[in-house]
C-alpha cells in the first residue's frame, strides 16, 4: 500500500505542509525494501534447492521459456514448469509472513 500525504499526516500530524516532501522518498524506500526481501527469499531458495532456484531465476529474471529450461536440463517442458511452479509456491509461502506483518 503506497503512503499518501493524508496517511502520513494521520501518523505524524505535526508534519504539516512538509508531509508532501517525504511521501515520494518513503514510497521509494518501501519499494526497495520489498525488492530486497524478494531477492533474499530467492537466494534462500537457490541455497536450499539450487536447481529449483535456477529454474525460477531463468524463467522470471532471464525470461527463458520453460521449454528452453527443460532442454538445458534434459527434461520435458512439463517437468520444468512443475519445478518452476513449486519454486514460486515456496517463495510465496516464504513471503507470507511479510504480507501478514503489513
N, C-alpha and C. Protein backbone atom coordinates (compact mmCIF):
# COMPACT_ATOMS: atom_id res chain seq x y z
N UNK A 1 0.84 -1.17 0.00
CA UNK A 1 0.00 0.00 0.00
C UNK A 1 0.89 1.24 0.00
N UNK A 2 0.78 2.09 -1.01
CA UNK A 2 1.62 3.28 -1.03
C UNK A 2 1.22 4.28 0.06
N UNK A 3 2.19 5.01 0.51
CA UNK A 3 1.96 6.03 1.53
C UNK A 3 1.46 7.28 0.83
N UNK A 4 0.39 7.86 1.35
CA UNK A 4 -0.14 9.11 0.82
C UNK A 4 0.13 10.23 1.81
N UNK A 5 -0.03 11.44 1.37
CA UNK A 5 0.18 12.58 2.26
C UNK A 5 -0.83 12.55 3.41
N UNK A 6 -2.07 12.16 3.11
CA UNK A 6 -3.09 12.10 4.15
C UNK A 6 -2.73 11.04 5.20
N UNK A 7 -2.24 9.89 4.74
CA UNK A 7 -1.86 8.83 5.67
C UNK A 7 -0.68 9.28 6.54
N UNK A 8 0.27 9.93 5.94
CA UNK A 8 1.43 10.42 6.69
C UNK A 8 1.00 11.45 7.73
N UNK A 9 0.05 12.31 7.38
CA UNK A 9 -0.44 13.31 8.33
C UNK A 9 -1.21 12.66 9.49
N UNK A 10 -1.83 11.52 9.24
CA UNK A 10 -2.50 10.82 10.33
C UNK A 10 -1.49 10.29 11.33
N UNK A 11 -0.36 9.81 10.82
CA UNK A 11 0.67 9.26 11.69
C UNK A 11 1.50 10.36 12.33
N UNK A 12 1.82 11.37 11.55
CA UNK A 12 2.63 12.50 12.02
C UNK A 12 1.87 13.81 11.80
N UNK A 13 0.92 14.13 12.67
CA UNK A 13 0.09 15.31 12.44
C UNK A 13 0.87 16.63 12.45
N UNK A 14 2.02 16.66 13.09
CA UNK A 14 2.79 17.89 13.16
C UNK A 14 3.62 18.15 11.89
N UNK A 15 3.59 17.23 10.94
CA UNK A 15 4.38 17.40 9.72
C UNK A 15 3.88 18.57 8.87
N UNK A 16 2.59 18.82 8.92
CA UNK A 16 2.01 19.96 8.20
C UNK A 16 2.27 19.90 6.71
N UNK A 17 2.67 21.04 6.14
CA UNK A 17 2.90 21.12 4.69
C UNK A 17 4.12 20.34 4.24
N UNK A 18 5.00 20.02 5.15
CA UNK A 18 6.22 19.29 4.80
C UNK A 18 5.95 17.82 4.49
N UNK A 19 4.79 17.32 4.85
CA UNK A 19 4.48 15.89 4.66
C UNK A 19 4.61 15.49 3.20
N UNK A 20 4.18 16.34 2.29
CA UNK A 20 4.25 16.03 0.86
C UNK A 20 5.67 15.82 0.35
N UNK A 21 6.64 16.42 1.00
CA UNK A 21 8.04 16.28 0.59
C UNK A 21 8.54 14.86 0.87
N UNK A 22 8.07 14.26 1.95
CA UNK A 22 8.57 12.95 2.37
C UNK A 22 7.88 11.77 1.70
N UNK A 23 6.69 11.97 1.15
CA UNK A 23 5.91 10.87 0.60
C UNK A 23 6.66 10.11 -0.49
N UNK A 24 7.23 10.77 -1.53
CA UNK A 24 7.93 10.01 -2.57
C UNK A 24 9.15 9.26 -2.04
N UNK A 25 9.84 9.85 -1.10
CA UNK A 25 11.03 9.21 -0.53
C UNK A 25 10.63 7.96 0.25
N UNK A 26 9.58 8.06 1.05
CA UNK A 26 9.12 6.91 1.83
C UNK A 26 8.61 5.79 0.93
N UNK A 27 7.90 6.14 -0.14
CA UNK A 27 7.41 5.12 -1.06
C UNK A 27 8.56 4.43 -1.79
N UNK A 28 9.58 5.17 -2.17
CA UNK A 28 10.74 4.58 -2.85
C UNK A 28 11.48 3.63 -1.89
N UNK A 29 11.63 4.05 -0.66
CA UNK A 29 12.32 3.21 0.33
C UNK A 29 11.52 1.93 0.59
N UNK A 30 10.21 2.05 0.64
CA UNK A 30 9.35 0.89 0.85
C UNK A 30 9.49 -0.09 -0.31
N UNK A 31 9.55 0.41 -1.53
CA UNK A 31 9.71 -0.45 -2.71
C UNK A 31 11.07 -1.14 -2.69
N UNK A 32 12.12 -0.41 -2.34
CA UNK A 32 13.46 -1.00 -2.27
C UNK A 32 13.53 -2.09 -1.21
N UNK A 33 12.86 -1.87 -0.09
CA UNK A 33 12.88 -2.87 0.98
C UNK A 33 12.17 -4.14 0.52
N UNK A 34 11.05 -4.00 -0.16
CA UNK A 34 10.33 -5.17 -0.65
C UNK A 34 11.16 -5.93 -1.68
N UNK A 35 11.83 -5.21 -2.56
CA UNK A 35 12.69 -5.86 -3.55
C UNK A 35 13.81 -6.63 -2.87
N UNK A 36 14.37 -6.08 -1.82
CA UNK A 36 15.43 -6.77 -1.09
C UNK A 36 14.92 -8.03 -0.42
N UNK A 37 13.70 -7.98 0.10
CA UNK A 37 13.11 -9.16 0.75
C UNK A 37 12.89 -10.26 -0.29
N UNK A 38 12.37 -9.91 -1.45
CA UNK A 38 12.14 -10.90 -2.50
C UNK A 38 13.47 -11.49 -2.97
N UNK A 39 14.47 -10.64 -3.19
CA UNK A 39 15.79 -11.13 -3.60
C UNK A 39 16.38 -12.09 -2.58
N UNK A 40 16.24 -11.75 -1.31
CA UNK A 40 16.74 -12.62 -0.26
C UNK A 40 16.03 -13.96 -0.22
N UNK A 41 14.73 -13.93 -0.47
CA UNK A 41 13.95 -15.17 -0.49
C UNK A 41 14.37 -16.06 -1.65
N UNK A 42 14.58 -15.47 -2.82
CA UNK A 42 15.04 -16.24 -3.97
C UNK A 42 16.44 -16.80 -3.70
N UNK A 43 17.28 -16.03 -3.05
CA UNK A 43 18.62 -16.51 -2.71
C UNK A 43 18.56 -17.70 -1.75
N UNK A 44 17.63 -17.65 -0.78
CA UNK A 44 17.45 -18.79 0.13
C UNK A 44 16.98 -20.02 -0.63
N UNK A 45 16.08 -19.82 -1.60
CA UNK A 45 15.62 -20.95 -2.41
C UNK A 45 16.79 -21.54 -3.19
N UNK A 46 17.62 -20.68 -3.77
CA UNK A 46 18.79 -21.16 -4.54
C UNK A 46 19.75 -21.95 -3.66
N UNK A 47 19.87 -21.56 -2.41
CA UNK A 47 20.76 -22.28 -1.50
C UNK A 47 20.14 -23.61 -1.09
N UNK A 48 18.84 -23.61 -0.86
CA UNK A 48 18.15 -24.82 -0.39
C UNK A 48 17.92 -25.82 -1.51
N UNK A 49 17.50 -25.34 -2.67
CA UNK A 49 17.20 -26.21 -3.82
C UNK A 49 17.77 -25.54 -5.07
N UNK A 50 19.07 -25.72 -5.34
CA UNK A 50 19.75 -24.99 -6.41
C UNK A 50 19.07 -25.12 -7.77
N UNK A 51 18.65 -26.30 -8.15
CA UNK A 51 18.03 -26.47 -9.46
C UNK A 51 16.72 -25.68 -9.53
N UNK A 52 15.89 -25.77 -8.50
CA UNK A 52 14.63 -25.05 -8.48
C UNK A 52 14.86 -23.54 -8.51
N UNK A 53 15.85 -23.09 -7.75
CA UNK A 53 16.18 -21.67 -7.76
C UNK A 53 16.64 -21.21 -9.14
N UNK A 54 17.44 -22.03 -9.79
CA UNK A 54 17.89 -21.70 -11.15
C UNK A 54 16.71 -21.62 -12.11
N UNK A 55 15.78 -22.55 -11.99
CA UNK A 55 14.61 -22.56 -12.88
C UNK A 55 13.79 -21.28 -12.71
N UNK A 56 13.53 -20.92 -11.46
CA UNK A 56 12.75 -19.71 -11.19
C UNK A 56 13.50 -18.49 -11.72
N UNK A 57 14.79 -18.43 -11.49
CA UNK A 57 15.60 -17.31 -11.96
C UNK A 57 15.59 -17.23 -13.48
N UNK A 58 15.83 -18.34 -14.14
CA UNK A 58 15.87 -18.34 -15.60
C UNK A 58 14.51 -17.97 -16.20
N UNK A 59 13.44 -18.43 -15.58
CA UNK A 59 12.10 -18.19 -16.12
C UNK A 59 11.66 -16.73 -15.93
N UNK A 60 11.85 -16.20 -14.73
CA UNK A 60 11.33 -14.86 -14.43
C UNK A 60 12.34 -13.74 -14.66
N UNK A 61 13.59 -13.97 -14.36
CA UNK A 61 14.58 -12.89 -14.50
C UNK A 61 15.20 -12.86 -15.89
N UNK A 62 15.59 -14.02 -16.39
CA UNK A 62 16.26 -14.09 -17.69
C UNK A 62 15.23 -14.21 -18.82
N UNK A 63 14.00 -14.57 -18.47
CA UNK A 63 12.88 -14.67 -19.42
C UNK A 63 13.02 -15.84 -20.39
N UNK A 64 13.63 -16.92 -19.95
CA UNK A 64 13.69 -18.12 -20.77
C UNK A 64 12.34 -18.81 -20.73
N UNK A 65 11.86 -19.33 -21.84
CA UNK A 65 10.63 -20.14 -21.79
C UNK A 65 10.92 -21.48 -21.12
N UNK A 66 9.87 -22.11 -20.59
CA UNK A 66 10.03 -23.38 -19.87
C UNK A 66 10.62 -24.45 -20.78
N UNK A 67 10.29 -24.40 -22.06
CA UNK A 67 10.83 -25.40 -23.00
C UNK A 67 12.35 -25.30 -23.07
N UNK A 68 12.88 -24.09 -23.12
CA UNK A 68 14.33 -23.90 -23.18
C UNK A 68 15.00 -24.39 -21.89
N UNK A 69 14.37 -24.10 -20.75
CA UNK A 69 14.92 -24.57 -19.47
C UNK A 69 14.92 -26.09 -19.45
N UNK A 70 13.81 -26.70 -19.88
CA UNK A 70 13.73 -28.16 -19.94
C UNK A 70 14.81 -28.76 -20.83
N UNK A 71 15.02 -28.14 -21.98
CA UNK A 71 16.06 -28.63 -22.90
C UNK A 71 17.45 -28.54 -22.26
N UNK A 72 17.72 -27.43 -21.59
CA UNK A 72 19.04 -27.25 -20.97
C UNK A 72 19.29 -28.31 -19.88
N UNK A 73 18.25 -28.65 -19.13
CA UNK A 73 18.39 -29.61 -18.04
C UNK A 73 17.95 -31.02 -18.43
N UNK A 74 17.76 -31.24 -19.73
CA UNK A 74 17.42 -32.55 -20.28
C UNK A 74 16.17 -33.15 -19.63
N UNK A 75 15.09 -32.38 -19.67
CA UNK A 75 13.80 -32.85 -19.17
C UNK A 75 12.70 -32.22 -20.01
N UNK A 76 11.50 -32.67 -19.81
CA UNK A 76 10.38 -32.16 -20.60
C UNK A 76 10.00 -30.75 -20.14
N UNK A 77 9.30 -30.05 -21.02
CA UNK A 77 8.79 -28.72 -20.69
C UNK A 77 7.82 -28.81 -19.50
N UNK A 78 6.99 -29.86 -19.48
CA UNK A 78 6.03 -30.03 -18.39
C UNK A 78 6.73 -30.18 -17.04
N UNK A 79 7.80 -30.96 -17.00
CA UNK A 79 8.55 -31.14 -15.76
C UNK A 79 9.20 -29.83 -15.33
N UNK A 80 9.74 -29.07 -16.30
CA UNK A 80 10.35 -27.77 -15.98
C UNK A 80 9.29 -26.83 -15.40
N UNK A 81 8.09 -26.81 -16.00
CA UNK A 81 7.00 -25.97 -15.48
C UNK A 81 6.61 -26.39 -14.05
N UNK A 82 6.59 -27.67 -13.81
CA UNK A 82 6.25 -28.19 -12.48
C UNK A 82 7.26 -27.69 -11.44
N UNK A 83 8.53 -27.75 -11.79
CA UNK A 83 9.58 -27.29 -10.86
C UNK A 83 9.48 -25.77 -10.66
N UNK A 84 9.21 -25.03 -11.72
CA UNK A 84 9.05 -23.57 -11.61
C UNK A 84 7.87 -23.24 -10.69
N UNK A 85 6.74 -23.91 -10.90
CA UNK A 85 5.56 -23.65 -10.07
C UNK A 85 5.82 -24.01 -8.61
N UNK A 86 6.54 -25.07 -8.37
CA UNK A 86 6.88 -25.45 -7.00
C UNK A 86 7.77 -24.38 -6.36
N UNK A 87 8.73 -23.88 -7.12
CA UNK A 87 9.60 -22.82 -6.61
C UNK A 87 8.84 -21.54 -6.31
N UNK A 88 7.90 -21.19 -7.18
CA UNK A 88 7.08 -20.00 -6.95
C UNK A 88 6.23 -20.18 -5.70
N UNK A 89 5.70 -21.38 -5.50
CA UNK A 89 4.93 -21.65 -4.30
C UNK A 89 5.78 -21.53 -3.04
N UNK A 90 7.02 -22.01 -3.11
CA UNK A 90 7.93 -21.92 -1.97
C UNK A 90 8.20 -20.45 -1.64
N UNK A 91 8.45 -19.65 -2.68
CA UNK A 91 8.71 -18.22 -2.48
C UNK A 91 7.48 -17.54 -1.89
N UNK A 92 6.31 -17.88 -2.43
CA UNK A 92 5.07 -17.29 -1.94
C UNK A 92 4.86 -17.59 -0.46
N UNK A 93 5.08 -18.83 -0.07
CA UNK A 93 4.94 -19.20 1.35
C UNK A 93 5.97 -18.49 2.22
N UNK A 94 7.16 -18.33 1.71
CA UNK A 94 8.21 -17.64 2.48
C UNK A 94 7.88 -16.17 2.68
N UNK A 95 7.21 -15.57 1.70
CA UNK A 95 6.86 -14.15 1.80
C UNK A 95 5.58 -13.91 2.59
N UNK A 96 4.86 -14.96 2.90
CA UNK A 96 3.58 -14.83 3.60
C UNK A 96 3.70 -14.07 4.92
N UNK A 97 4.78 -14.30 5.64
CA UNK A 97 4.94 -13.63 6.95
C UNK A 97 5.08 -12.12 6.79
N UNK A 98 5.65 -11.68 5.65
CA UNK A 98 5.78 -10.24 5.42
C UNK A 98 4.43 -9.63 5.06
N UNK A 99 3.61 -10.38 4.35
CA UNK A 99 2.28 -9.89 3.99
C UNK A 99 1.43 -9.77 5.25
N UNK A 100 1.52 -10.76 6.13
CA UNK A 100 0.77 -10.70 7.38
C UNK A 100 1.23 -9.55 8.26
N UNK A 101 2.52 -9.25 8.24
CA UNK A 101 3.05 -8.16 9.06
C UNK A 101 2.60 -6.81 8.55
N UNK A 102 2.39 -6.71 7.24
CA UNK A 102 1.97 -5.42 6.67
C UNK A 102 0.53 -5.20 7.01
